[in-house]
Amino acid sequence: MDLPKFLLADNTDYPTAIFVLHTEYPRFIINLENDEVEWFEEFSPEDRKDLEEESTRLISEATDFYDREVARYED
């Protein structure tokens, strides 16, 4: 199955949360309500340095994706 890079998600147990799921490596979900990130990967100590650099960019992309999707609903 071919998945988009980002997906929006919600859950009625978390009515104010807005989740964005990143489906490519490194996979994660971010709650935009509080910027909490949960990684779905295990990282070696060597990978952590690269992850720190890349995570800022990926989280920014996730936020941009959400803003773009919301703007499309508002049009």
PDB file of N, CA and C in Angstrom:
ATOM      1  N   MET A   1       0.837  -1.166   0.000  1.00  0.00           N
ATOM      2  CA  MET A   1       0.000   0.000   0.000  1.00  0.00           C
ATOM      3  C   MET A   1       0.891   1.241   0.000  1.00  0.00           C
ATOM      4  N   ASP A   2       0.520   2.197  -0.802  1.00  0.00           N
ATOM      5  CA  ASP A   2       1.244   3.460  -0.875  1.00  0.00           C
ATOM      6  C   ASP A   2       0.567   4.466   0.052  1.00  0.00           C
ATOM      7  N   LEU A   3       1.280   4.911   1.093  1.00  0.00           N
ATOM      8  CA  LEU A   3       0.726   5.835   2.070  1.00  0.00           C
ATOM      9  C   LEU A   3       1.256   7.245   1.850  1.00  0.00           C
ATOM     10  N   PRO A   4       0.440   8.253   2.165  1.00  0.00           N
ATOM     11  CA  PRO A   4       0.971   9.615   2.147  1.00  0.00           C
ATOM     12  C   PRO A   4       1.991   9.791   3.270  1.00  0.00           C
ATOM     13  N   LYS A   5       2.846  10.781   3.116  1.00  0.00           N
ATOM     14  CA  LYS A   5       3.888  11.026   4.106  1.00  0.00           C
ATOM     15  C   LYS A   5       3.306  11.416   5.463  1.00  0.00           C
ATOM     16  N   PHE A   6       2.202  12.183   5.469  1.00  0.00           N
ATOM     17  CA  PHE A   6       1.564  12.631   6.695  1.00  0.00           C
ATOM     18  C   PHE A   6       0.076  12.285   6.666  1.00  0.00           C
ATOM     19  N   LEU A   7      -0.471  11.988   7.829  1.00  0.00           N
ATOM     20  CA  LEU A   7      -1.904  11.731   7.998  1.00  0.00           C
ATOM     21  C   LEU A   7      -2.399  12.524   9.204  1.00  0.00           C
ATOM     22  N   LEU A   8      -3.620  13.053   9.106  1.00  0.00           N
ATOM     23  CA  LEU A   8      -4.269  13.661  10.259  1.00  0.00           C
ATOM     24  C   LEU A   8      -5.015  12.584  11.020  1.00  0.00           C
ATOM     25  N   ALA A   9      -5.035  12.690  12.336  1.00  0.00           N
ATOM     26  CA  ALA A   9      -5.737  11.704  13.154  1.00  0.00           C
ATOM     27  C   ALA A   9      -6.404  12.407  14.319  1.00  0.00           C
ATOM     28  N   ASP A  10      -7.520  11.829  14.756  1.00  0.00           N
ATOM     29  CA  ASP A  10      -8.159  12.319  15.963  1.00  0.00           C
ATOM     30  C   ASP A  10      -8.730  11.143  16.731  1.00  0.00           C
ATOM     31  N   ASN A  11      -9.159  11.423  17.952  1.00  0.00           N
ATOM     32  CA  ASN A  11      -9.695  10.381  18.808  1.00  0.00           C
ATOM     33  C   ASN A  11     -10.625  11.046  19.808  1.00  0.00           C
ATOM     34  N   THR A  12     -11.830  10.504  19.954  1.00  0.00           N
ATOM     35  CA  THR A  12     -12.802  11.128  20.852  1.00  0.00           C
ATOM     36  C   THR A  12     -12.375  11.076  22.315  1.00  0.00           C
ATOM     37  N   ASP A  13     -11.443  10.210  22.662  1.00  0.00           N
ATOM     38  CA  ASP A  13     -10.921  10.187  24.027  1.00  0.00           C
ATOM     39  C   ASP A  13     -10.023  11.394  24.311  1.00  0.00           C
ATOM     40  N   TYR A  14      -9.581  12.066  23.256  1.00  0.00           N
ATOM     41  CA  TYR A  14      -8.730  13.256  23.357  1.00  0.00           C
ATOM     42  C   TYR A  14      -9.370  14.358  22.509  1.00  0.00           C
ATOM     43  N   PRO A  15     -10.462  14.935  22.971  1.00  0.00           N
ATOM     44  CA  PRO A  15     -11.260  15.826  22.120  1.00  0.00           C
ATOM     45  C   PRO A  15     -10.560  17.106  21.675  1.00  0.00           C
ATOM     46  N   THR A  16      -9.554  17.558  22.387  1.00  0.00           N
ATOM     47  CA  THR A  16      -8.876  18.794  21.980  1.00  0.00           C
ATOM     48  C   THR A  16      -7.557  18.532  21.262  1.00  0.00           C
ATOM     49  N   ALA A  17      -7.148  17.291  21.189  1.00  0.00           N
ATOM     50  CA  ALA A  17      -5.867  16.944  20.563  1.00  0.00           C
ATOM     51  C   ALA A  17      -5.993  16.937  19.043  1.00  0.00           C
ATOM     52  N   ILE A  18      -4.915  17.335  18.396  1.00  0.00           N
ATOM     53  CA  ILE A  18      -4.793  17.261  16.937  1.00  0.00           C
ATOM     54  C   ILE A  18      -3.523  16.471  16.667  1.00  0.00           C
ATOM     55  N   PHE A  19      -3.670  15.288  16.071  1.00  0.00           N
ATOM     56  CA  PHE A  19      -2.528  14.418  15.814  1.00  0.00           C
ATOM     57  C   PHE A  19      -2.143  14.449  14.342  1.00  0.00           C
ATOM     58  N   VAL A  20      -0.838  14.482  14.092  1.00  0.00           N
ATOM     59  CA  VAL A  20      -0.302  14.296  12.749  1.00  0.00           C
ATOM     60  C   VAL A  20       0.644  13.109  12.827  1.00  0.00           C
ATOM     61  N   LEU A  21       0.427  12.148  11.954  1.00  0.00           N
ATOM     62  CA  LEU A  21       1.230  10.931  11.900  1.00  0.00           C
ATOM     63  C   LEU A  21       2.176  11.010  10.716  1.00  0.00           C
ATOM     64  N   HIS A  22       3.464  10.813  10.967  1.00  0.00           N
ATOM     65  CA  HIS A  22       4.477  10.746   9.910  1.00  0.00           C
ATOM     66  C   HIS A  22       4.697   9.270   9.601  1.00  0.00           C
ATOM     67  N   THR A  23       4.441   8.854   8.369  1.00  0.00           N
ATOM     68  CA  THR A  23       4.424   7.434   8.025  1.00  0.00           C
ATOM     69  C   THR A  23       5.745   6.898   7.488  1.00  0.00           C
ATOM     70  N   GLU A  24       6.703   7.776   7.231  1.00  0.00           N
ATOM     71  CA  GLU A  24       8.001   7.336   6.707  1.00  0.00           C
ATOM     72  C   GLU A  24       9.034   7.320   7.831  1.00  0.00           C
ATOM     73  N   TYR A  25      10.162   6.657   7.574  1.00  0.00           N
ATOM     74  CA  TYR A  25      11.209   6.602   8.590  1.00  0.00           C
ATOM     75  C   TYR A  25      11.798   7.987   8.807  1.00  0.00           C
ATOM     76  N   PRO A  26      11.960   8.407  10.005  1.00  0.00           N
ATOM     77  CA  PRO A  26      11.562   7.811  11.266  1.00  0.00           C
ATOM     78  C   PRO A  26      10.091   8.125  11.567  1.00  0.00           C
ATOM     79  N   ARG A  27       9.318   7.088  11.797  1.00  0.00           N
ATOM     80  CA  ARG A  27       7.885   7.252  12.013  1.00  0.00           C
ATOM     81  C   ARG A  27       7.616   7.840  13.402  1.00  0.00           C
ATOM     82  N   PHE A  28       6.654   8.765  13.436  1.00  0.00           N
ATOM     83  CA  PHE A  28       6.273   9.373  14.707  1.00  0.00           C
ATOM     84  C   PHE A  28       4.861   9.915  14.613  1.00  0.00           C
ATOM     85  N   ILE A  29       4.299  10.234  15.772  1.00  0.00           N
ATOM     86  CA  ILE A  29       3.041  10.953  15.855  1.00  0.00           C
ATOM     87  C   ILE A  29       3.275  12.150  16.760  1.00  0.00           C
ATOM     88  N   ILE A  30       2.734  13.287  16.352  1.00  0.00           N
ATOM     89  CA  ILE A  30       2.852  14.505  17.146  1.00  0.00           C
ATOM     90  C   ILE A  30       1.453  14.987  17.502  1.00  0.00           C
ATOM     91  N   ASN A  31       1.293  15.377  18.731  1.00  0.00           N
ATOM     92  CA  ASN A  31       0.063  16.002  19.185  1.00  0.00           C
ATOM     93  C   ASN A  31       0.306  17.511  19.099  1.00  0.00           C
ATOM     94  N   LEU A  32      -0.335  18.172  18.151  1.00  0.00           N
ATOM     95  CA  LEU A  32      -0.094  19.595  17.957  1.00  0.00           C
ATOM     96  C   LEU A  32      -0.663  20.452  19.080  1.00  0.00           C
ATOM     97  N   GLU A  33      -1.518  19.880  19.898  1.00  0.00           N
ATOM     98  CA  GLU A  33      -2.060  20.624  21.034  1.00  0.00           C
ATOM     99  C   GLU A  33      -0.951  20.972  22.029  1.00  0.00           C
ATOM    100  N   ASN A  34      -0.026  20.035  22.244  1.00  0.00           N
ATOM    101  CA  ASN A  34       1.028  20.258  23.236  1.00  0.00           C
ATOM    102  C   ASN A  34       2.438  19.944  22.705  1.00  0.00           C
ATOM    103  N   ASP A  35       2.545  19.668  21.409  1.00  0.00           N
ATOM    104  CA  ASP A  35       3.825  19.361  20.742  1.00  0.00           C
ATOM    105  C   ASP A  35       4.512  18.111  21.282  1.00  0.00           C
ATOM    106  N   GLU A  36       3.759  17.223  21.911  1.00  0.00           N
ATOM    107  CA  GLU A  36       4.320  15.959  22.388  1.00  0.00           C
ATOM    108  C   GLU A  36       4.530  15.025  21.198  1.00  0.00           C
ATOM    109  N   VAL A  37       5.710  14.422  21.121  1.00  0.00           N
ATOM    110  CA  VAL A  37       6.066  13.534  20.016  1.00  0.00           C
ATOM    111  C   VAL A  37       6.309  12.133  20.560  1.00  0.00           C
ATOM    112  N   GLU A  38       5.760  11.152  19.870  1.00  0.00           N
ATOM    113  CA  GLU A  38       6.000   9.741  20.197  1.00  0.00           C
ATOM    114  C   GLU A  38       6.632   9.098  18.965  1.00  0.00           C
ATOM    115  N   TRP A  39       7.838   8.570  19.140  1.00  0.00           N
ATOM    116  CA  TRP A  39       8.548   7.920  18.036  1.00  0.00           C
ATOM    117  C   TRP A  39       8.173   6.445  17.998  1.00  0.00           C
ATOM    118  N   PHE A  40       8.002   5.905  16.801  1.00  0.00           N
ATOM    119  CA  PHE A  40       7.668   4.493  16.630  1.00  0.00           C
ATOM    120  C   PHE A  40       8.899   3.653  16.280  1.00  0.00           C
ATOM    121  N   GLU A  41      10.048   4.248  16.369  1.00  0.00           N
ATOM    122  CA  GLU A  41      11.300   3.574  16.022  1.00  0.00           C
ATOM    123  C   GLU A  41      12.178   3.466  17.265  1.00  0.00           C
ATOM    124  N   GLU A  42      13.079   2.496  17.242  1.00  0.00           N
ATOM    125  CA  GLU A  42      14.142   2.394  18.236  1.00  0.00           C
ATOM    126  C   GLU A  42      15.396   2.989  17.595  1.00  0.00           C
ATOM    127  N   PHE A  43      16.108   3.820  18.340  1.00  0.00           N
ATOM    128  CA  PHE A  43      17.276   4.492  17.782  1.00  0.00           C
ATOM    129  C   PHE A  43      18.530   4.111  18.549  1.00  0.00           C
ATOM    130  N   SER A  44      19.581   3.869  17.802  1.00  0.00           N
ATOM    131  CA  SER A  44      20.874   3.609  18.422  1.00  0.00           C
ATOM    132  C   SER A  44      21.464   4.943  18.878  1.00  0.00           C
ATOM    133  N   PRO A  45      22.440   4.910  19.767  1.00  0.00           N
ATOM    134  CA  PRO A  45      23.077   6.165  20.192  1.00  0.00           C
ATOM    135  C   PRO A  45      23.665   6.952  19.010  1.00  0.00           C
ATOM    136  N   GLU A  46      24.169   6.256  18.016  1.00  0.00           N
ATOM    137  CA  GLU A  46      24.730   6.927  16.844  1.00  0.00           C
ATOM    138  C   GLU A  46      23.640   7.644  16.039  1.00  0.00           C
ATOM    139  N   ASP A  47      22.443   7.062  16.018  1.00  0.00           N
ATOM    140  CA  ASP A  47      21.334   7.649  15.269  1.00  0.00           C
ATOM    141  C   ASP A  47      20.743   8.864  15.962  1.00  0.00           C
ATOM    142  N   ARG A  48      20.914   8.951  17.251  1.00  0.00           N
ATOM    143  CA  ARG A  48      20.276  10.032  18.013  1.00  0.00           C
ATOM    144  C   ARG A  48      20.744  11.409  17.567  1.00  0.00           C
ATOM    145  N   LYS A  49      22.013  11.567  17.242  1.00  0.00           N
ATOM    146  CA  LYS A  49      22.524  12.868  16.795  1.00  0.00           C
ATOM    147  C   LYS A  49      21.847  13.276  15.494  1.00  0.00           C
ATOM    148  N   ASP A  50      21.772  12.351  14.544  1.00  0.00           N
ATOM    149  CA  ASP A  50      21.099  12.644  13.281  1.00  0.00           C
ATOM    150  C   ASP A  50      19.621  12.930  13.514  1.00  0.00           C
ATOM    151  N   LEU A  51      19.013  12.191  14.419  1.00  0.00           N
ATOM    152  CA  LEU A  51      17.597  12.371  14.704  1.00  0.00           C
ATOM    153  C   LEU A  51      17.330  13.763  15.278  1.00  0.00           C
ATOM    154  N   GLU A  52      18.186  14.216  16.158  1.00  0.00           N
ATOM    155  CA  GLU A  52      18.008  15.544  16.743  1.00  0.00           C
ATOM    156  C   GLU A  52      17.995  16.614  15.658  1.00  0.00           C
ATOM    157  N   GLU A  53      18.878  16.485  14.682  1.00  0.00           N
ATOM    158  CA  GLU A  53      18.942  17.451  13.591  1.00  0.00           C
ATOM    159  C   GLU A  53      17.736  17.337  12.671  1.00  0.00           C
ATOM    160  N   GLU A  54      17.336  16.127  12.359  1.00  0.00           N
ATOM    161  CA  GLU A  54      16.238  15.901  11.435  1.00  0.00           C
ATOM    162  C   GLU A  54      14.873  16.131  12.069  1.00  0.00           C
ATOM    163  N   SER A  55      14.738  15.891  13.370  1.00  0.00           N
ATOM    164  CA  SER A  55      13.429  15.987  14.008  1.00  0.00           C
ATOM    165  C   SER A  55      12.852  17.395  13.931  1.00  0.00           C
ATOM    166  N   THR A  56      13.668  18.406  14.062  1.00  0.00           N
ATOM    167  CA  THR A  56      13.178  19.785  13.953  1.00  0.00           C
ATOM    168  C   THR A  56      12.558  20.018  12.588  1.00  0.00           C
ATOM    169  N   ARG A  57      13.209  19.557  11.550  1.00  0.00           N
ATOM    170  CA  ARG A  57      12.693  19.721  10.191  1.00  0.00           C
ATOM    171  C   ARG A  57      11.405  18.932  10.001  1.00  0.00           C
ATOM    172  N   LEU A  58      11.371  17.691  10.461  1.00  0.00           N
ATOM    173  CA  LEU A  58      10.190  16.847  10.282  1.00  0.00           C
ATOM    174  C   LEU A  58       8.986  17.386  11.048  1.00  0.00           C
ATOM    175  N   ILE A  59       9.200  17.870  12.245  1.00  0.00           N
ATOM    176  CA  ILE A  59       8.100  18.428  13.033  1.00  0.00           C
ATOM    177  C   ILE A  59       7.583  19.703  12.371  1.00  0.00           C
ATOM    178  N   SER A  60       8.470  20.500  11.822  1.00  0.00           N
ATOM    179  CA  SER A  60       8.044  21.679  11.071  1.00  0.00           C
ATOM    180  C   SER A  60       7.219  21.279   9.848  1.00  0.00           C
ATOM    181  N   GLU A  61       7.636  20.243   9.144  1.00  0.00           N
ATOM    182  CA  GLU A  61       6.876  19.739   7.994  1.00  0.00           C
ATOM    183  C   GLU A  61       5.500  19.240   8.421  1.00  0.00           C
ATOM    184  N   ALA A  62       5.423  18.579   9.563  1.00  0.00           N
ATOM    185  CA  ALA A  62       4.141  18.078  10.065  1.00  0.00           C
ATOM    186  C   ALA A  62       3.196  19.239  10.368  1.00  0.00           C
ATOM    187  N   THR A  63       3.726  20.282  10.971  1.00  0.00           N
ATOM    188  CA  THR A  63       2.915  21.463  11.268  1.00  0.00           C
ATOM    189  C   THR A  63       2.461  22.150   9.993  1.00  0.00           C
ATOM    190  N   ASP A  64       3.364  22.270   9.028  1.00  0.00           N
ATOM    191  CA  ASP A  64       3.009  22.865   7.729  1.00  0.00           C
ATOM    192  C   ASP A  64       1.926  22.048   7.032  1.00  0.00           C
ATOM    193  N   PHE A  65       2.043  20.721   7.102  1.00  0.00           N
ATOM    194  CA  PHE A  65       1.029  19.843   6.518  1.00  0.00           C
ATOM    195  C   PHE A  65      -0.331  20.123   7.147  1.00  0.00           C
ATOM    196  N   TYR A  66      -0.383  20.200   8.465  1.00  0.00           N
ATOM    197  CA  TYR A  66      -1.645  20.468   9.154  1.00  0.00           C
ATOM    198  C   TYR A  66      -2.219  21.820   8.704  1.00  0.00           C
ATOM    199  N   ASP A  67      -1.394  22.849   8.689  1.00  0.00           N
ATOM    200  CA  ASP A  67      -1.863  24.176   8.273  1.00  0.00           C
ATOM    201  C   ASP A  67      -2.417  24.148   6.849  1.00  0.00           C
ATOM    202  N   ARG A  68      -1.747  23.434   5.954  1.00  0.00           N
ATOM    203  CA  ARG A  68      -2.204  23.324   4.567  1.00  0.00           C
ATOM    204  C   ARG A  68      -3.541  22.593   4.490  1.00  0.00           C
ATOM    205  N   GLU A  69      -3.677  21.509   5.230  1.00  0.00           N
ATOM    206  CA  GLU A  69      -4.928  20.746   5.207  1.00  0.00           C
ATOM    207  C   GLU A  69      -6.089  21.569   5.758  1.00  0.00           C
ATOM    208  N   VAL A  70      -5.877  22.275   6.849  1.00  0.00           N
ATOM    209  CA  VAL A  70      -6.926  23.111   7.432  1.00  0.00           C
ATOM    210  C   VAL A  70      -7.313  24.217   6.460  1.00  0.00           C
ATOM    211  N   ALA A  71      -6.337  24.822   5.808  1.00  0.00           N
ATOM    212  CA  ALA A  71      -6.638  25.871   4.844  1.00  0.00           C
ATOM    213  C   ALA A  71      -7.496  25.319   3.700  1.00  0.00           C
ATOM    214  N   ARG A  72      -7.272  24.114   3.285  1.00  0.00           N
ATOM    215  CA  ARG A  72      -8.070  23.509   2.205  1.00  0.00           C
ATOM    216  C   ARG A  72      -9.512  23.300   2.633  1.00  0.00           C
ATOM    217  N   TYR A  73      -9.745  22.973   3.899  1.00  0.00           N
ATOM    218  CA  TYR A  73     -11.113  22.799   4.401  1.00  0.00           C
ATOM    219  C   TYR A  73     -11.831  24.146   4.494  1.00  0.00           C
ATOM    220  N   GLU A  74     -11.080  25.196   4.778  1.00  0.00           N
ATOM    221  CA  GLU A  74     -11.681  26.506   4.942  1.00  0.00           C
ATOM    222  C   GLU A  74     -12.059  27.164   3.623  1.00  0.00           C
ATOM    223  N   ASP A  75     -11.421  26.726   2.535  1.00  0.00           N
ATOM    224  CA  ASP A  75     -11.727  27.321   1.210  1.00  0.00           C
ATOM    225  C   ASP A  75     -13.065  26.887   0.678  1.00  0.00           C
TER     226      ASP A  75
END
